[in-house]
Structures are given as structure tokens and as C-alpha cells.
Protein backbone atom coordinates (compact mmCIF):
# COMPACT_ATOMS: atom_id res chain seq x y z
CA MET A 1 -70.94 8.45 185.62
CA THR A 2 -69.52 9.74 188.92
CA ASP A 3 -65.74 9.26 189.14
CA GLY A 4 -64.47 7.22 192.07
CA TRP A 5 -61.01 8.77 192.04
CA SER A 6 -61.64 11.25 194.85
CA ILE A 7 -62.92 10.97 198.41
CA ARG A 8 -62.93 14.74 198.86
CA LYS A 9 -66.17 16.64 198.83
CA PRO A 10 -66.73 17.69 195.19
CA THR A 11 -66.49 21.40 194.52
CA ALA A 12 -68.25 21.22 191.16
CA LEU A 13 -71.15 19.33 189.63
CA LEU A 14 -72.38 18.77 186.11
CA VAL A 15 -76.08 17.99 186.36
CA LEU A 16 -77.74 16.70 183.20
CA ALA A 17 -81.41 17.14 182.38
CA ASP A 18 -81.96 13.38 182.70
CA GLY A 19 -80.92 13.59 186.37
CA THR A 20 -77.34 12.34 185.93
CA VAL A 21 -74.97 14.02 188.40
CA ILE A 22 -71.25 14.14 187.66
CA GLU A 23 -68.87 15.23 190.42
CA GLY A 24 -65.55 17.01 189.99
CA GLU A 25 -63.34 19.92 191.00
CA GLY A 26 -64.45 23.49 190.38
CA VAL A 27 -62.51 25.81 188.08
CA GLY A 28 -63.22 29.36 186.98
CA ARG A 29 -66.20 31.37 188.13
CA VAL A 30 -68.01 30.40 191.31
CA GLY A 31 -71.70 29.95 190.62
CA HIS A 32 -73.64 27.96 188.05
CA ALA A 33 -74.44 28.15 184.35
CA LEU A 34 -77.17 26.59 182.23
CA GLY A 35 -76.57 25.37 178.70
CA GLU A 36 -76.34 22.55 176.18
CA VAL A 37 -73.40 20.17 176.63
CA CYS A 38 -71.34 19.36 173.53
CA PHE A 39 -67.88 17.87 173.08
CA ASN A 40 -64.97 19.36 171.13
CA THR A 41 -62.18 17.16 169.78
CA ALA A 42 -59.60 19.90 169.10
CA LEU A 43 -56.15 19.39 170.60
CA THR A 44 -55.28 23.10 170.76
CA GLY A 45 -56.97 26.48 170.80
CA TYR A 46 -59.11 26.31 173.92
CA GLN A 47 -59.18 30.10 174.24
CA GLU A 48 -60.44 30.53 170.68
CA ILE A 49 -63.06 27.85 171.32
CA LEU A 50 -64.35 29.29 174.57
CA THR A 51 -64.53 32.84 173.14
CA ASP A 52 -66.30 31.84 169.91
CA PRO A 53 -69.75 33.51 170.05
CA SER A 54 -71.14 30.46 168.23
CA TYR A 55 -70.82 28.61 171.56
CA ALA A 56 -73.31 30.89 173.35
CA LYS A 57 -75.47 28.92 175.82
CA GLN A 58 -73.21 25.86 175.50
CA ILE A 59 -71.01 23.94 177.92
CA VAL A 60 -67.95 22.64 176.07
CA THR A 61 -66.49 19.26 177.00
CA PHE A 62 -62.87 18.99 175.82
CA THR A 63 -61.98 15.44 174.79
CA PHE A 64 -58.26 16.27 174.90
CA PRO A 65 -57.34 15.66 178.56
CA HIS A 66 -54.78 18.41 179.22
CA ILE A 67 -56.39 21.83 178.89
CA GLY A 68 -54.72 24.97 180.26
CA ASN A 69 -51.05 24.02 179.97
CA VAL A 70 -50.18 27.07 177.86
CA GLY A 71 -52.18 29.46 180.00
CA ALA A 72 -54.12 32.38 178.60
CA ASN A 73 -53.46 35.76 176.99
CA GLU A 74 -55.33 38.73 175.55
CA GLU A 75 -54.57 37.89 171.89
CA ASP A 76 -56.16 34.47 171.40
CA ILE A 77 -59.77 35.54 171.73
CA GLU A 78 -62.46 35.56 169.06
CA ASP A 79 -65.43 37.59 170.28
CA LEU A 80 -65.41 41.22 169.20
CA VAL A 81 -66.18 42.77 172.60
CA PRO A 82 -64.26 40.78 175.25
CA ALA A 83 -65.84 42.78 178.07
CA ASN A 84 -69.19 41.24 177.14
CA ALA A 85 -67.70 37.71 177.31
CA HIS A 86 -69.85 36.25 174.55
CA GLY A 87 -69.03 32.57 174.05
CA ALA A 88 -69.30 29.33 176.00
CA VAL A 89 -70.95 29.57 179.42
CA GLY A 90 -69.22 26.50 180.82
CA ALA A 91 -66.37 24.06 180.27
CA VAL A 92 -65.57 20.46 181.22
CA PHE A 93 -61.99 19.17 181.60
CA ARG A 94 -60.46 15.76 182.33
CA ALA A 95 -57.24 16.78 184.06
CA GLU A 96 -56.61 19.37 186.72
CA VAL A 97 -55.75 22.80 185.32
CA THR A 98 -52.05 23.37 186.03
CA GLU A 99 -49.82 26.43 186.03
CA PRO A 100 -48.98 27.58 182.48
CA SER A 101 -45.73 26.96 180.68
CA ASN A 102 -45.62 29.11 177.55
CA TYR A 103 -43.83 32.31 176.64
CA ARG A 104 -47.09 33.93 175.46
CA ALA A 105 -48.99 33.24 178.69
CA ALA A 106 -50.19 36.34 180.51
CA GLY A 107 -51.79 34.27 183.26
CA GLY A 108 -53.30 30.92 184.15
CA LEU A 109 -56.46 29.46 182.67
CA ASP A 110 -58.28 29.41 186.02
CA GLN A 111 -57.85 33.16 186.48
CA TRP A 112 -58.84 33.79 182.87
CA LEU A 113 -62.00 31.69 183.25
CA LYS A 114 -62.94 33.72 186.31
CA LYS A 115 -62.43 36.95 184.40
CA ARG A 116 -64.57 35.65 181.52
CA GLY A 117 -67.27 34.44 183.88
CA ILE A 118 -67.02 30.81 182.70
CA VAL A 119 -67.98 28.07 185.17
CA ALA A 120 -65.87 24.93 184.70
CA ILE A 121 -65.46 21.46 186.15
CA SER A 122 -62.33 19.29 186.02
CA GLY A 123 -61.37 15.80 187.05
CA ILE A 124 -64.17 13.90 185.34
CA ASP A 125 -64.18 11.08 182.81
CA THR A 126 -64.69 13.10 179.64
CA ARG A 127 -64.54 9.92 177.53
CA ALA A 128 -67.60 8.57 179.32
CA LEU A 129 -69.41 11.91 178.93
CA THR A 130 -68.55 12.01 175.22
CA ALA A 131 -69.90 8.48 174.77
CA HIS A 132 -73.06 9.54 176.60
CA ILE A 133 -73.52 12.45 174.17
CA ARG A 134 -72.89 10.25 171.14
CA GLU A 135 -75.50 7.76 172.29
CA ASN A 136 -78.12 10.14 173.66
CA GLY A 137 -77.52 13.49 171.97
CA MET A 138 -76.40 16.82 173.42
CA PRO A 139 -78.09 17.20 176.82
CA ASN A 140 -79.21 20.34 178.56
CA ALA A 141 -77.34 20.71 181.84
CA VAL A 142 -76.21 22.92 184.67
CA VAL A 143 -72.53 23.21 185.62
CA ALA A 144 -72.07 24.46 189.18
CA HIS A 145 -68.97 25.48 191.18
CA ASP A 146 -68.88 26.06 194.93
CA PRO A 147 -65.49 25.93 196.75
CA ASP A 148 -67.28 24.68 199.88
CA GLY A 149 -69.10 21.93 198.01
CA ASN A 150 -72.57 23.04 199.05
CA PHE A 151 -75.10 22.28 196.29
CA ASP A 152 -78.87 22.03 196.08
CA VAL A 153 -78.75 19.07 193.74
CA GLU A 154 -82.51 18.76 193.35
CA ALA A 155 -82.81 22.42 192.39
CA LEU A 156 -80.04 22.00 189.82
CA LYS A 157 -81.81 18.96 188.38
CA ARG A 158 -85.04 20.92 188.07
CA GLU A 159 -83.29 23.83 186.37
CA ALA A 160 -81.58 21.57 183.83
CA ALA A 161 -84.79 19.65 183.10
CA ALA A 162 -86.91 22.80 182.74
CA TRP A 163 -84.77 24.52 180.07
CA SER A 164 -86.24 24.21 176.59
CA GLY A 165 -82.83 24.18 174.87
CA LEU A 166 -81.47 25.87 171.76
CA VAL A 167 -84.29 25.05 169.34
CA GLY A 168 -86.20 28.22 168.60
CA LEU A 169 -83.63 30.52 170.24
CA ASP A 170 -82.35 33.60 168.42
CA LEU A 171 -79.00 34.23 170.10
CA ALA A 172 -77.43 36.39 167.39
CA LYS A 173 -78.95 39.56 168.86
CA ASP A 174 -77.38 38.65 172.22
CA VAL A 175 -73.81 38.10 171.00
CA ALA A 176 -73.42 40.54 168.10
CA SER A 177 -71.40 43.68 168.75
CA HIS A 178 -74.27 45.89 167.50
CA GLN A 179 -71.74 48.38 166.23
CA THR A 180 -71.35 49.91 162.83
CA GLU A 181 -67.61 50.13 162.53
CA VAL A 182 -64.71 49.54 160.18
CA TRP A 183 -62.50 46.57 161.01
CA ASP A 184 -58.83 47.04 160.10
CA GLU A 185 -56.91 44.37 162.05
CA GLU A 186 -54.91 41.90 159.94
CA PRO A 187 -53.87 38.29 160.77
CA TRP A 188 -51.44 37.60 163.61
CA GLN A 189 -47.75 37.39 162.79
CA TRP A 190 -45.31 35.51 164.98
CA ASP A 191 -43.48 37.77 167.41
CA ALA A 192 -45.17 40.85 165.92
CA GLY A 193 -48.84 40.58 166.83
CA TYR A 194 -51.59 42.13 164.73
CA ALA A 195 -50.88 44.70 162.05
CA ARG A 196 -53.39 47.27 160.87
CA GLY A 197 -54.85 47.10 157.38
CA ALA A 198 -53.11 48.88 154.55
CA GLU A 199 -54.90 50.83 151.81
CA PRO A 200 -58.00 48.73 150.93
CA ARG A 201 -58.86 47.61 147.42
CA CYS A 202 -62.52 46.79 148.07
CA THR A 203 -65.31 47.13 150.63
CA VAL A 204 -66.93 44.13 152.31
CA VAL A 205 -70.00 44.61 154.49
CA ALA A 206 -70.14 41.95 157.20
CA LEU A 207 -73.45 41.22 158.87
CA ASP A 208 -72.46 40.35 162.43
CA TYR A 209 -74.47 37.44 163.84
CA GLY A 210 -71.63 36.63 166.27
CA THR A 211 -68.60 36.87 164.03
CA LYS A 212 -65.09 35.76 164.94
CA ARG A 213 -62.14 38.12 164.82
CA ASN A 214 -59.95 35.96 162.61
CA ILE A 215 -62.58 35.79 159.87
CA LEU A 216 -62.49 39.56 159.64
CA ARG A 217 -58.68 39.58 159.84
CA LEU A 218 -58.37 37.25 156.86
CA MET A 219 -60.57 39.54 154.78
CA THR A 220 -58.65 42.65 155.86
CA GLY A 221 -55.41 40.85 155.09
CA ARG A 222 -56.62 40.35 151.53
CA GLY A 223 -57.21 44.04 151.05
CA ALA A 224 -60.78 44.54 152.21
CA ARG A 225 -62.21 47.49 154.07
CA VAL A 226 -64.58 45.53 156.31
CA VAL A 227 -67.66 47.39 157.53
CA LEU A 228 -69.44 45.62 160.41
CA LEU A 229 -73.20 45.98 160.65
CA PRO A 230 -75.57 44.61 163.32
CA PRO A 231 -77.61 41.45 162.59
CA THR A 232 -80.83 43.43 162.16
CA ALA A 233 -79.42 45.72 159.45
CA THR A 234 -81.68 46.09 156.43
CA ALA A 235 -80.70 45.54 152.81
CA GLU A 236 -80.90 49.29 152.28
CA GLU A 237 -78.48 49.89 155.15
CA VAL A 238 -76.07 47.33 153.72
CA MET A 239 -76.18 48.77 150.21
CA ALA A 240 -75.71 52.31 151.53
CA HIS A 241 -72.06 51.35 152.09
CA ARG A 242 -71.70 50.44 148.40
CA PRO A 243 -70.21 47.01 149.13
CA ASP A 244 -68.12 45.05 146.66
CA GLY A 245 -68.89 41.94 148.72
CA ILE A 246 -71.30 40.89 151.45
CA PHE A 247 -70.38 38.53 154.27
CA LEU A 248 -72.84 36.55 156.44
CA SER A 249 -71.07 35.63 159.66
CA ASN A 250 -71.06 32.68 161.99
CA GLY A 251 -73.13 32.80 165.17
CA PRO A 252 -75.10 30.80 167.73
CA GLY A 253 -78.64 29.55 168.16
CA ASP A 254 -81.35 28.27 165.85
CA PRO A 255 -80.95 29.60 162.29
CA ALA A 256 -84.70 29.45 161.74
CA ALA A 257 -85.22 31.84 164.68
CA THR A 258 -82.54 34.30 163.57
CA GLY A 259 -83.76 33.91 160.02
CA GLU A 260 -87.11 35.49 160.87
CA TYR A 261 -85.53 38.91 160.42
CA ALA A 262 -82.29 38.00 158.60
CA VAL A 263 -83.68 35.86 155.76
CA PRO A 264 -85.75 38.62 154.09
CA THR A 265 -82.67 40.87 154.15
CA ILE A 266 -80.49 38.13 152.65
CA GLN A 267 -83.06 37.49 149.91
CA SER A 268 -83.05 41.17 148.98
CA LEU A 269 -79.25 41.30 148.97
CA ILE A 270 -78.99 38.26 146.67
CA LYS A 271 -81.01 40.19 144.07
CA THR A 272 -78.40 42.98 144.00
CA GLY A 273 -75.84 40.72 142.30
CA VAL A 274 -73.13 41.66 144.81
CA PRO A 275 -70.93 38.62 145.68
CA MET A 276 -71.97 36.98 148.94
CA PHE A 277 -70.11 34.58 151.26
CA GLY A 278 -71.57 32.90 154.34
CA ILE A 279 -70.02 30.87 157.15
CA CYS A 280 -71.71 28.60 159.73
CA LEU A 281 -74.92 30.37 160.85
CA GLY A 282 -74.57 32.57 157.78
CA HIS A 283 -74.47 29.41 155.65
CA GLN A 284 -77.60 28.05 157.30
CA MET A 285 -79.54 31.28 156.90
CA LEU A 286 -78.45 31.57 153.27
CA ALA A 287 -79.87 28.09 152.71
CA LEU A 288 -83.14 29.20 154.31
CA ALA A 289 -83.19 32.30 152.10
CA LEU A 290 -82.79 30.09 149.03
CA GLY A 291 -85.70 27.84 150.00
CA GLY A 292 -83.90 25.14 152.00
CA LYS A 293 -84.48 23.87 155.53
CA THR A 294 -82.33 23.37 158.62
CA GLU A 295 -82.52 20.72 161.33
CA LYS A 296 -81.15 20.11 164.83
CA MET A 297 -78.30 17.61 164.90
CA HIS A 298 -77.97 14.67 167.29
CA GLN A 299 -74.46 15.43 168.58
CA GLY A 300 -73.35 18.29 166.37
CA HIS A 301 -69.92 18.89 164.90
CA HIS A 302 -67.33 20.47 167.19
CA GLY A 303 -63.63 20.08 166.60
CA ALA A 304 -60.64 20.84 164.40
CA ASN A 305 -60.19 17.47 162.71
CA HIS A 306 -63.30 17.08 160.54
CA PRO A 307 -62.85 15.79 156.98
CA VAL A 308 -64.88 17.64 154.35
CA LYS A 309 -64.94 17.01 150.61
CA ASP A 310 -65.07 19.92 148.18
CA PHE A 311 -67.00 18.63 145.16
CA THR A 312 -65.83 21.55 143.03
CA THR A 313 -62.21 20.33 143.21
CA GLY A 314 -62.53 16.72 144.38
CA LYS A 315 -60.18 17.48 147.27
CA VAL A 316 -60.64 16.51 150.92
CA GLU A 317 -59.73 19.11 153.53
CA ILE A 318 -59.49 18.88 157.32
CA VAL A 319 -61.55 21.66 158.85
CA SER A 320 -62.70 23.30 162.04
CA MET A 321 -66.37 22.76 162.91
CA ASN A 322 -68.75 24.24 165.46
CA HIS A 323 -72.45 23.76 164.82
CA GLY A 324 -75.45 21.97 166.29
CA PHE A 325 -77.80 22.66 163.38
CA ALA A 326 -77.33 21.59 159.77
CA VAL A 327 -78.75 22.32 156.34
CA ASP A 328 -80.99 19.58 154.96
CA ALA A 329 -79.34 18.95 151.58
CA ALA A 330 -82.48 17.26 150.22
CA SER A 331 -84.42 20.48 150.78
CA LEU A 332 -82.19 22.63 148.57
CA PRO A 333 -83.89 23.73 145.34
CA GLU A 334 -82.62 22.98 141.84
CA ALA A 335 -80.93 26.38 141.52
CA VAL A 336 -78.61 25.53 144.43
CA GLU A 337 -75.58 23.25 144.13
CA GLN A 338 -74.14 21.36 147.10
CA THR A 339 -70.40 22.05 147.09
CA HIS A 340 -69.13 20.44 150.31
CA VAL A 341 -70.09 17.45 152.42
CA SER A 342 -68.92 16.04 155.75
CA LEU A 343 -67.14 12.71 155.38
CA PHE A 344 -68.11 11.85 158.96
CA ASP A 345 -71.87 11.73 158.37
CA ASN A 346 -72.53 13.09 154.84
CA THR A 347 -74.27 16.21 156.15
CA ASN A 348 -74.20 19.33 153.99
CA CYS A 349 -71.18 21.60 154.47
CA GLY A 350 -71.39 23.99 151.53
CA LEU A 351 -73.56 25.39 148.76
CA LYS A 352 -73.55 27.89 145.93
CA LEU A 353 -76.05 29.42 143.58
CA LYS A 354 -75.61 28.13 140.04
CA ASP A 355 -76.35 31.48 138.40
CA ALA A 356 -75.10 34.06 140.90
CA PRO A 357 -71.87 34.86 142.84
CA VAL A 358 -73.26 33.50 146.10
CA PHE A 359 -71.77 30.67 148.19
CA SER A 360 -71.32 29.50 151.77
CA VAL A 361 -69.80 26.78 153.93
CA GLN A 362 -70.78 25.19 157.23
CA HIS A 363 -67.25 24.92 158.63
CA HIS A 364 -64.98 27.66 160.01
CA PRO A 365 -62.32 28.29 157.34
CA GLU A 366 -60.54 30.99 159.36
CA ALA A 367 -58.88 28.18 161.39
CA SER A 368 -59.08 29.71 164.85
CA PRO A 369 -58.43 27.15 166.05
CA GLY A 370 -57.77 24.49 163.47
CA PRO A 371 -55.97 23.66 160.21
CA GLN A 372 -55.66 26.20 157.45
CA ASP A 373 -56.83 23.90 154.63
CA SER A 374 -59.87 26.08 153.95
CA HIS A 375 -58.24 29.49 153.61
CA TYR A 376 -58.77 29.16 149.85
CA LEU A 377 -62.44 29.99 150.42
CA PHE A 378 -61.51 33.59 151.16
CA ASP A 379 -59.58 33.64 147.87
CA ARG A 380 -62.72 32.42 146.10
CA PHE A 381 -64.71 35.22 147.65
CA PHE A 382 -62.22 37.85 146.55
CA GLU A 383 -62.02 36.40 143.05
CA LEU A 384 -65.79 36.87 142.80
CA ILE A 385 -65.40 40.42 144.10
CA ASP A 386 -62.70 41.23 141.53
CA ALA A 387 -64.80 39.77 138.72
CA HIS A 388 -67.85 41.75 139.82
CA LYS A 389 -65.85 44.98 140.01
CA ALA A 390 -64.39 44.35 136.55
CA LYS A 391 -67.87 43.74 135.16
CA ASP A 392 -69.17 46.96 136.66
CA LYS A 393 -66.19 48.90 135.30
CA ALA A 394 -66.71 47.48 131.83
CA ALA A 395 -70.38 48.44 131.94
């Protein structure tokens, strides 16, 4: 899989656990990073992708060849604490990263990658790497960058082969902000930036397993006072804020591992009758709390062009995806209804309780990056909140 386009000494290597060595040009941080290699098919939004905490311990291969043309800025990031740089550890590009050409650019992608501590490689055949992943699954690997081209290839091979991978890893504790705070930033407006939330009409407690900023913005923009709690918060700590709604966020790692402490809390919160909405990792852990199972996927779903069918409306939406684990639909108990399914491979993408205001989806409806087809899910959540508040008032 080594490209023959260059006779120069390579300044970056991608070394797979099976011993495959891919040569290219180094970008971003000098050093090396260990992770699982996946591919993302999105055409835009590389900053949002690389700063998504759900990509922790992953090396993202971009199938779109030209990454970096619009540069980088301080607005298009998704992790809550940028100084901690929670997100992808590495990146793989086809074309050389060029100087930016965009009015919003505050700098080039190479400089931004260095600041974020992301090790990247460019100039490789990403189509061949994507085909390799599709045939063999997402490999563990090391991406290394040395401007002088000095690598201990055998040591890198050993490191890649020795890593046990994402199965069994609880990464939510690593990427969560671990802050109890009120989020008040609303969605971005062209040429105006981010406004601050107006007078709230309800309170949503968000359990932060690695949440994305735009998810919180969309809830604030609909009138919520969003209270962020750490992933280890107890049901009693959640209910102390008297929530009108409870949100289970996205995040990285194995849901079964995170679920060891999160699932009992989720089970207790379901019993309160407060409306609950989960996304991505939150969806998977909700399924576990309801008696379902999760499983590691062969190649995962990563991109902004995934077709998903909503059985509750019969409509097909194009969504943003980022997950390497999935809910086993056959394991869901009778009390749970499957609401969404991937039209790529028929894997589960949504569920709801038949007799309680509880639902979740596998995809990322906040659309950062991606299409906005799924914004209606936030409306569903707030309709449940309004109905619950009206019921309480009537009682």
C-alpha cells in the first residue's frame, strides 16, 4: 500500500497492526499517536470531525481528497474544553495541505493540527486504505511524523500490534469536561457568531459523556437552560436540579464499559418519568439500560451522507454518523420499539420506550458537520418536555 509517487524520504508513516507500512508526508504535531483507524466520507467539516470527543483514540482517514483548503478557526470546534484537545489523535489525508482560502480562516490547518496535538499524514492513497478497512475492519495503528524521516519501524509495528483496541475501554471519563455548569450558547448565525441564551422556558440536565457543543446549542436555542453534569453523576444529583428533560450525550469508547457506572443511573432516571433523549453513546447506553446489547462493528459508520429511515414517519433522512459500536436490534425487549434503521446495513439507529417519554438515536442530529435533516429530533424532545410539564401542572 506504499505510494510510488515520491522518491523523497517519507516524513510520516502509518503503521498498521498487521505490519503494513504506509509512507507519506508529515503534517501537524511531530511525534506519534496510537489509535484505531476509521474512514470518514464527509466532504466538509473537518474541524468539527477532528474535535468531536467521540473520535477519542481514533485516527481519521478522510476519503475526500482536499482537506484544509478553508483553513481553521476558533469557532468550528466541538469539544467543550479546547485546551484539553479531546477528539481524534491522528488524521490521514490524500492531498497536500495547502494555504487556506476562506474569509473565516484564522490560520492554516497544519498550524491548527500542531496546536491541537494531532499527528497527521498526507500524500497517501486514501481510497486503497478505505478499501483495506472495508475488507478487513478498522485496524489498530500508529501514525508517526518526523521531519527528518527517522523512524524505528519495528518498534512502531510492535506498538500497533500490542494495543488491545477500543473494546472494553471507558473513554467517557477521559473526554468529559467534568464540570457542573450551565450552558447558554445558542447556534451560530452567519456573520454574527454565537448568541447567548435568552430567558429559558425549561431545564435540561445533560450527562456529559463527551458531548458536542452544537448539541447543547440546539437545546439552548429552543429555550432550555442546559445544566452539564459529569458522566459519573448519580440519579440523585441529576434530580437535584429539578430537570424538565434529561439528555444522554454522545461520546467515545465501548458503551458496555462506560455503562458499568452509567447504566444504573440511567435505569433510575427512567423511573422518574422525566423525558429522556440520548444520542450516539447515550443511545447505546440507554439500550443497555433497557435490557439490550451492543456489539463492535466491522468498519463503523463515519460520515455525513448516511441514509436512515424513521419508521415513525416513513421518511428517509440523510444524517451524520460517528460510531464503531452498534445496538443489537434483536436484543431489544418487547417494551422497546425500534424507530430508526440504517439503509446502508440495516443496523439499529433509534429506539423509544412504548410506555414512557424516552427515546434515542445513533446518529448525530446536531449536524456538525452534516445535513440538518434530523433537527426535528430536538423538537420531539421539547414536545415531550412540554407535555410532561403540562401534566405536572394539571396534577
